[in-house]
Amino acid sequence: MKISIVTLSDRLTKLLMVLAACWAFILTFFIIADIVGRTVFNAPFYGVPEIVMNSIVMIVFLQAGYAIRSRAMLRADFLANRFPALFGRIVLAIGYLLGAAFFLMIFVGSWDSAIDSWVRGEYEGEGALRVPAWPTRFTILFGSAVATFSYLLMAYLDIFHPEQLDAQVDPDAKFHG
C-alpha cells in the first residue's frame, strides 16, 4: 500500500483539526464549571483562565495546517482569478511561499523559548493551579512546522499538480485555475 505525501499530509492535518475541535469541546465544560462554580457556589474552578489562555493558542496552531490545506486560510483569490490560469496559479504559489516563510519564522523564533520552557519547567498562572507552559510552546512549534509544510505542499501542487489540490481534505471543493 503506497501512500502519497499529499494523502499523508491531508490525514495528519485532518487528525490535528479533529483533536483541536475535541479539545475545544472539552474546554467548554471547564468554562461552564467555572461559571457555575462562581455564580452558584461562589467557588471558582481554579486554573480555568490559564487553561483557556493556553488552549486557545494550541487550538489555533493545531488547526492551521488544515485551514491551509483546505484553502480556508486568507488568500487573495480576487487578484489571482483576474489573471490567466497559469499566472494566477503562480501568484497563489508566491502567496503560499510567503505563508510558509511566515510560519517558518514563527518556528525559528519559538524554538529557543520552547526548549527553555521545558528545561526551566515554566508554568503559567499563580496560586492554586499552575499550568505548564511547555505543551503550548511545543504545540506552536509543531503547528508551525505543519503549517510551513502545508504551504510548501500547496505551492508545489498549485504549480505542478493543480488537479491534486483538493485530493483528500475537501473533495467537493471547486477546482481553481
C-alpha atoms as a PDB file:
ATOM      1  CA  MET A   1       0.000   0.000   0.000  1.00  0.00           C
ATOM      2  CA  LYS A   2       1.579   3.221  -1.186  1.00  0.00           C
ATOM      3  CA  ILE A   3       0.510   6.454   0.497  1.00  0.00           C
ATOM      4  CA  SER A   4       1.397   9.720  -1.175  1.00  0.00           C
ATOM      5  CA  ILE A   5       2.798  12.685   0.709  1.00  0.00           C
ATOM      6  CA  VAL A   6      -0.390  14.574  -0.165  1.00  0.00           C
ATOM      7  CA  THR A   7      -2.570  11.879   1.407  1.00  0.00           C
ATOM      8  CA  LEU A   8      -0.321  11.685   4.466  1.00  0.00           C
ATOM      9  CA  SER A   9      -0.416  15.472   4.862  1.00  0.00           C
ATOM     10  CA  ASP A  10      -4.186  15.524   4.475  1.00  0.00           C
ATOM     11  CA  ARG A  11      -4.678  12.797   7.067  1.00  0.00           C
ATOM     12  CA  LEU A  12      -2.337  14.473   9.542  1.00  0.00           C
ATOM     13  CA  THR A  13      -3.922  17.915   9.195  1.00  0.00           C
ATOM     14  CA  LYS A  14      -7.413  16.444   9.457  1.00  0.00           C
ATOM     15  CA  LEU A  15      -6.411  14.498  12.596  1.00  0.00           C
ATOM     16  CA  LEU A  16      -4.957  17.631  14.182  1.00  0.00           C
ATOM     17  CA  MET A  17      -8.100  19.578  13.323  1.00  0.00           C
ATOM     18  CA  VAL A  18     -10.282  16.907  14.938  1.00  0.00           C
ATOM     19  CA  LEU A  19      -8.068  16.841  18.051  1.00  0.00           C
ATOM     20  CA  ALA A  20      -8.297  20.629  18.316  1.00  0.00           C
ATOM     21  CA  ALA A  21     -12.073  20.550  17.872  1.00  0.00           C
ATOM     22  CA  CYS A  22     -12.419  17.854  20.555  1.00  0.00           C
ATOM     23  CA  TRP A  23     -10.256  19.857  22.944  1.00  0.00           C
ATOM     24  CA  ALA A  24     -12.353  22.970  22.254  1.00  0.00           C
ATOM     25  CA  PHE A  25     -15.469  20.944  23.072  1.00  0.00           C
ATOM     26  CA  ILE A  26     -13.952  19.643  26.322  1.00  0.00           C
ATOM     27  CA  LEU A  27     -12.793  23.151  27.154  1.00  0.00           C
ATOM     28  CA  THR A  28     -16.399  24.342  27.162  1.00  0.00           C
ATOM     29  CA  PHE A  29     -17.086  22.090  30.143  1.00  0.00           C
ATOM     30  CA  PHE A  30     -14.210  23.663  32.082  1.00  0.00           C
ATOM     31  CA  ILE A  31     -15.633  27.098  31.303  1.00  0.00           C
ATOM     32  CA  ILE A  32     -19.174  26.077  32.293  1.00  0.00           C
ATOM     33  CA  ALA A  33     -17.895  24.520  35.536  1.00  0.00           C
ATOM     34  CA  ASP A  34     -16.048  27.747  36.338  1.00  0.00           C
ATOM     35  CA  ILE A  35     -19.110  29.898  35.595  1.00  0.00           C
ATOM     36  CA  VAL A  36     -21.444  27.692  37.633  1.00  0.00           C
ATOM     37  CA  GLY A  37     -18.902  27.473  40.444  1.00  0.00           C
ATOM     38  CA  ARG A  38     -18.511  31.252  40.575  1.00  0.00           C
ATOM     39  CA  THR A  39     -22.179  32.183  40.321  1.00  0.00           C
ATOM     40  CA  VAL A  40     -23.941  29.379  42.184  1.00  0.00           C
ATOM     41  CA  PHE A  41     -21.399  28.231  44.770  1.00  0.00           C
ATOM     42  CA  ASN A  42     -19.165  31.312  44.988  1.00  0.00           C
ATOM     43  CA  ALA A  43     -16.241  28.943  44.350  1.00  0.00           C
ATOM     44  CA  PRO A  44     -14.441  29.259  41.029  1.00  0.00           C
ATOM     45  CA  PHE A  45     -12.865  26.326  39.240  1.00  0.00           C
ATOM     46  CA  TYR A  46      -9.217  27.269  39.763  1.00  0.00           C
ATOM     47  CA  GLY A  47      -6.917  27.433  36.760  1.00  0.00           C
ATOM     48  CA  VAL A  48      -9.590  27.833  34.093  1.00  0.00           C
ATOM     49  CA  PRO A  49      -8.272  31.193  32.822  1.00  0.00           C
ATOM     50  CA  GLU A  50      -4.771  29.728  32.419  1.00  0.00           C
ATOM     51  CA  ILE A  51      -6.074  26.555  30.785  1.00  0.00           C
ATOM     52  CA  VAL A  52      -8.268  28.553  28.380  1.00  0.00           C
ATOM     53  CA  MET A  53      -5.486  31.013  27.554  1.00  0.00           C
ATOM     54  CA  ASN A  54      -3.059  28.245  26.634  1.00  0.00           C
ATOM     55  CA  SER A  55      -5.693  26.114  24.945  1.00  0.00           C
ATOM     56  CA  ILE A  56      -6.780  28.828  22.526  1.00  0.00           C
ATOM     57  CA  VAL A  57      -3.226  29.161  21.252  1.00  0.00           C
ATOM     58  CA  MET A  58      -2.896  25.388  20.942  1.00  0.00           C
ATOM     59  CA  ILE A  59      -6.222  25.058  19.103  1.00  0.00           C
ATOM     60  CA  VAL A  60      -5.258  27.738  16.582  1.00  0.00           C
ATOM     61  CA  PHE A  61      -1.894  26.164  15.789  1.00  0.00           C
ATOM     62  CA  LEU A  62      -3.327  22.640  15.600  1.00  0.00           C
ATOM     63  CA  GLN A  63      -5.937  23.773  13.068  1.00  0.00           C
ATOM     64  CA  ALA A  64      -3.637  25.955  10.933  1.00  0.00           C
ATOM     65  CA  GLY A  65      -2.433  23.109   8.698  1.00  0.00           C
ATOM     66  CA  TYR A  66      -5.969  22.009   7.899  1.00  0.00           C
ATOM     67  CA  ALA A  67      -7.067  25.575   7.190  1.00  0.00           C
ATOM     68  CA  ILE A  68      -4.165  25.980   4.783  1.00  0.00           C
ATOM     69  CA  ARG A  69      -4.621  22.639   3.058  1.00  0.00           C
ATOM     70  CA  SER A  70      -8.376  23.112   2.662  1.00  0.00           C
ATOM     71  CA  ARG A  71      -7.662  26.588   1.245  1.00  0.00           C
ATOM     72  CA  ALA A  72      -9.661  28.263   4.007  1.00  0.00           C
ATOM     73  CA  MET A  73      -6.752  30.451   5.073  1.00  0.00           C
ATOM     74  CA  LEU A  74      -6.826  34.073   3.951  1.00  0.00           C
ATOM     75  CA  ARG A  75      -5.887  34.363   0.258  1.00  0.00           C
ATOM     76  CA  ALA A  76      -6.096  36.965  -2.471  1.00  0.00           C
ATOM     77  CA  ASP A  77      -8.221  34.926  -4.877  1.00  0.00           C
ATOM     78  CA  PHE A  78      -9.843  38.070  -6.227  1.00  0.00           C
ATOM     79  CA  LEU A  79      -6.441  39.071  -7.586  1.00  0.00           C
ATOM     80  CA  ALA A  80      -5.298  35.650  -8.794  1.00  0.00           C
ATOM     81  CA  ASN A  81      -8.595  34.990 -10.602  1.00  0.00           C
ATOM     82  CA  ARG A  82      -8.119  38.108 -12.770  1.00  0.00           C
ATOM     83  CA  PHE A  83      -5.015  36.619 -14.401  1.00  0.00           C
ATOM     84  CA  PRO A  84      -4.684  33.794 -16.937  1.00  0.00           C
ATOM     85  CA  ALA A  85      -4.809  30.367 -15.251  1.00  0.00           C
ATOM     86  CA  LEU A  86      -1.072  29.657 -15.152  1.00  0.00           C
ATOM     87  CA  PHE A  87      -0.134  33.154 -13.998  1.00  0.00           C
ATOM     88  CA  GLY A  88      -2.886  33.071 -11.371  1.00  0.00           C
ATOM     89  CA  ARG A  89      -1.506  29.795 -10.023  1.00  0.00           C
ATOM     90  CA  ILE A  90       1.970  31.353  -9.899  1.00  0.00           C
ATOM     91  CA  VAL A  91       0.600  34.310  -7.922  1.00  0.00           C
ATOM     92  CA  LEU A  92      -1.095  31.904  -5.483  1.00  0.00           C
ATOM     93  CA  ALA A  93       2.124  29.881  -5.220  1.00  0.00           C
ATOM     94  CA  ILE A  94       4.018  33.048  -4.291  1.00  0.00           C
ATOM     95  CA  GLY A  95       1.407  33.696  -1.616  1.00  0.00           C
ATOM     96  CA  TYR A  96       1.829  30.144  -0.350  1.00  0.00           C
ATOM     97  CA  LEU A  97       5.594  30.634  -0.197  1.00  0.00           C
ATOM     98  CA  LEU A  98       5.116  33.837   1.788  1.00  0.00           C
ATOM     99  CA  GLY A  99       2.821  31.941   4.176  1.00  0.00           C
ATOM    100  CA  ALA A 100       5.465  29.215   4.529  1.00  0.00           C
ATOM    101  CA  ALA A 101       8.085  31.874   5.296  1.00  0.00           C
ATOM    102  CA  PHE A 102       5.803  33.403   7.940  1.00  0.00           C
ATOM    103  CA  PHE A 103       5.241  30.103   9.756  1.00  0.00           C
ATOM    104  CA  LEU A 104       8.920  29.192   9.377  1.00  0.00           C
ATOM    105  CA  MET A 105       9.815  32.448  11.127  1.00  0.00           C
ATOM    106  CA  ILE A 106       7.393  31.559  13.940  1.00  0.00           C
ATOM    107  CA  PHE A 107       9.023  28.123  14.185  1.00  0.00           C
ATOM    108  CA  VAL A 108      12.560  29.511  14.291  1.00  0.00           C
ATOM    109  CA  GLY A 109      11.587  32.313  16.674  1.00  0.00           C
ATOM    110  CA  SER A 110       9.794  29.922  19.041  1.00  0.00           C
ATOM    111  CA  TRP A 111      12.431  27.199  19.167  1.00  0.00           C
ATOM    112  CA  ASP A 112      14.575  28.672  21.972  1.00  0.00           C
ATOM    113  CA  SER A 113      11.626  29.621  24.166  1.00  0.00           C
ATOM    114  CA  ALA A 114      10.107  26.133  23.808  1.00  0.00           C
ATOM    115  CA  ILE A 115      13.345  24.439  24.819  1.00  0.00           C
ATOM    116  CA  ASP A 116      13.877  26.943  27.632  1.00  0.00           C
ATOM    117  CA  SER A 117      10.312  26.398  28.860  1.00  0.00           C
ATOM    118  CA  TRP A 118      10.920  22.639  29.037  1.00  0.00           C
ATOM    119  CA  VAL A 119      14.317  22.929  30.734  1.00  0.00           C
ATOM    120  CA  ARG A 120      13.245  25.525  33.330  1.00  0.00           C
ATOM    121  CA  GLY A 121       9.850  23.954  33.986  1.00  0.00           C
ATOM    122  CA  GLU A 122       7.983  27.167  33.154  1.00  0.00           C
ATOM    123  CA  TYR A 123       4.402  27.499  34.399  1.00  0.00           C
ATOM    124  CA  GLU A 124       1.535  29.891  33.702  1.00  0.00           C
ATOM    125  CA  GLY A 125      -0.630  31.241  36.488  1.00  0.00           C
ATOM    126  CA  GLU A 126      -0.322  31.859  40.171  1.00  0.00           C
ATOM    127  CA  GLY A 127      -1.929  30.326  43.195  1.00  0.00           C
ATOM    128  CA  ALA A 128      -3.863  27.078  43.433  1.00  0.00           C
ATOM    129  CA  LEU A 129      -3.260  25.765  39.933  1.00  0.00           C
ATOM    130  CA  ARG A 130      -0.312  26.447  37.702  1.00  0.00           C
ATOM    131  CA  VAL A 131      -0.374  25.168  34.128  1.00  0.00           C
ATOM    132  CA  PRO A 132       2.870  24.036  32.459  1.00  0.00           C
ATOM    133  CA  ALA A 133       3.788  26.309  29.539  1.00  0.00           C
ATOM    134  CA  TRP A 134       5.869  23.825  27.532  1.00  0.00           C
ATOM    135  CA  PRO A 135       2.917  21.987  25.897  1.00  0.00           C
ATOM    136  CA  THR A 136       1.713  25.268  24.410  1.00  0.00           C
ATOM    137  CA  ARG A 137       5.170  26.244  23.245  1.00  0.00           C
ATOM    138  CA  PHE A 138       5.807  22.868  21.605  1.00  0.00           C
ATOM    139  CA  THR A 139       2.354  22.919  20.017  1.00  0.00           C
ATOM    140  CA  ILE A 140       3.290  26.261  18.458  1.00  0.00           C
ATOM    141  CA  LEU A 141       6.461  24.640  17.102  1.00  0.00           C
ATOM    142  CA  PHE A 142       4.663  21.577  15.782  1.00  0.00           C
ATOM    143  CA  GLY A 143       1.752  23.566  14.349  1.00  0.00           C
ATOM    144  CA  SER A 144       4.148  25.992  12.674  1.00  0.00           C
ATOM    145  CA  ALA A 145       6.091  23.110  11.130  1.00  0.00           C
ATOM    146  CA  VAL A 146       2.885  21.522   9.820  1.00  0.00           C
ATOM    147  CA  ALA A 147       1.660  24.887   8.516  1.00  0.00           C
ATOM    148  CA  THR A 148       5.002  25.549   6.792  1.00  0.00           C
ATOM    149  CA  PHE A 149       4.893  22.130   5.143  1.00  0.00           C
ATOM    150  CA  SER A 150       1.240  22.620   4.168  1.00  0.00           C
ATOM    151  CA  TYR A 151       2.037  25.928   2.478  1.00  0.00           C
ATOM    152  CA  LEU A 152       5.017  24.420   0.647  1.00  0.00           C
ATOM    153  CA  LEU A 153       2.863  21.495  -0.467  1.00  0.00           C
ATOM    154  CA  MET A 154       0.159  23.862  -1.695  1.00  0.00           C
ATOM    155  CA  ALA A 155       2.728  25.897  -3.670  1.00  0.00           C
ATOM    156  CA  TYR A 156       4.106  22.742  -5.263  1.00  0.00           C
ATOM    157  CA  LEU A 157       0.671  21.372  -6.113  1.00  0.00           C
ATOM    158  CA  ASP A 158      -0.573  24.713  -7.397  1.00  0.00           C
ATOM    159  CA  ILE A 159       2.259  24.917  -9.922  1.00  0.00           C
ATOM    160  CA  PHE A 160       2.921  21.291 -10.867  1.00  0.00           C
ATOM    161  CA  HIS A 161      -0.211  19.281 -10.000  1.00  0.00           C
ATOM    162  CA  PRO A 162      -3.255  21.575  -9.677  1.00  0.00           C
ATOM    163  CA  GLU A 163      -5.566  18.589 -10.120  1.00  0.00           C
ATOM    164  CA  GLN A 164      -4.401  17.277  -6.712  1.00  0.00           C
ATOM    165  CA  LEU A 165      -5.152  20.443  -4.737  1.00  0.00           C
ATOM    166  CA  ASP A 166      -8.431  19.042  -3.482  1.00  0.00           C
ATOM    167  CA  ALA A 167      -7.201  15.454  -3.124  1.00  0.00           C
ATOM    168  CA  GLN A 168      -8.339  14.458   0.364  1.00  0.00           C
ATOM    169  CA  VAL A 169      -9.104  17.464   2.504  1.00  0.00           C
ATOM    170  CA  ASP A 170     -12.104  18.762   0.595  1.00  0.00           C
ATOM    171  CA  PRO A 171     -13.085  16.505  -2.314  1.00  0.00           C
ATOM    172  CA  ASP A 172     -16.143  18.676  -3.039  1.00  0.00           C
ATOM    173  CA  ALA A 173     -14.136  21.883  -3.420  1.00  0.00           C
ATOM    174  CA  LYS A 174     -14.150  23.534  -6.822  1.00  0.00           C
ATOM    175  CA  PHE A 175     -11.066  23.229  -8.970  1.00  0.00           C
ATOM    176  CA  HIS A 176      -9.377  26.579  -9.273  1.00  0.00           C
ATOM    177  CA  GLY A 177      -7.095  27.721 -12.044  1.00  0.00           C
END
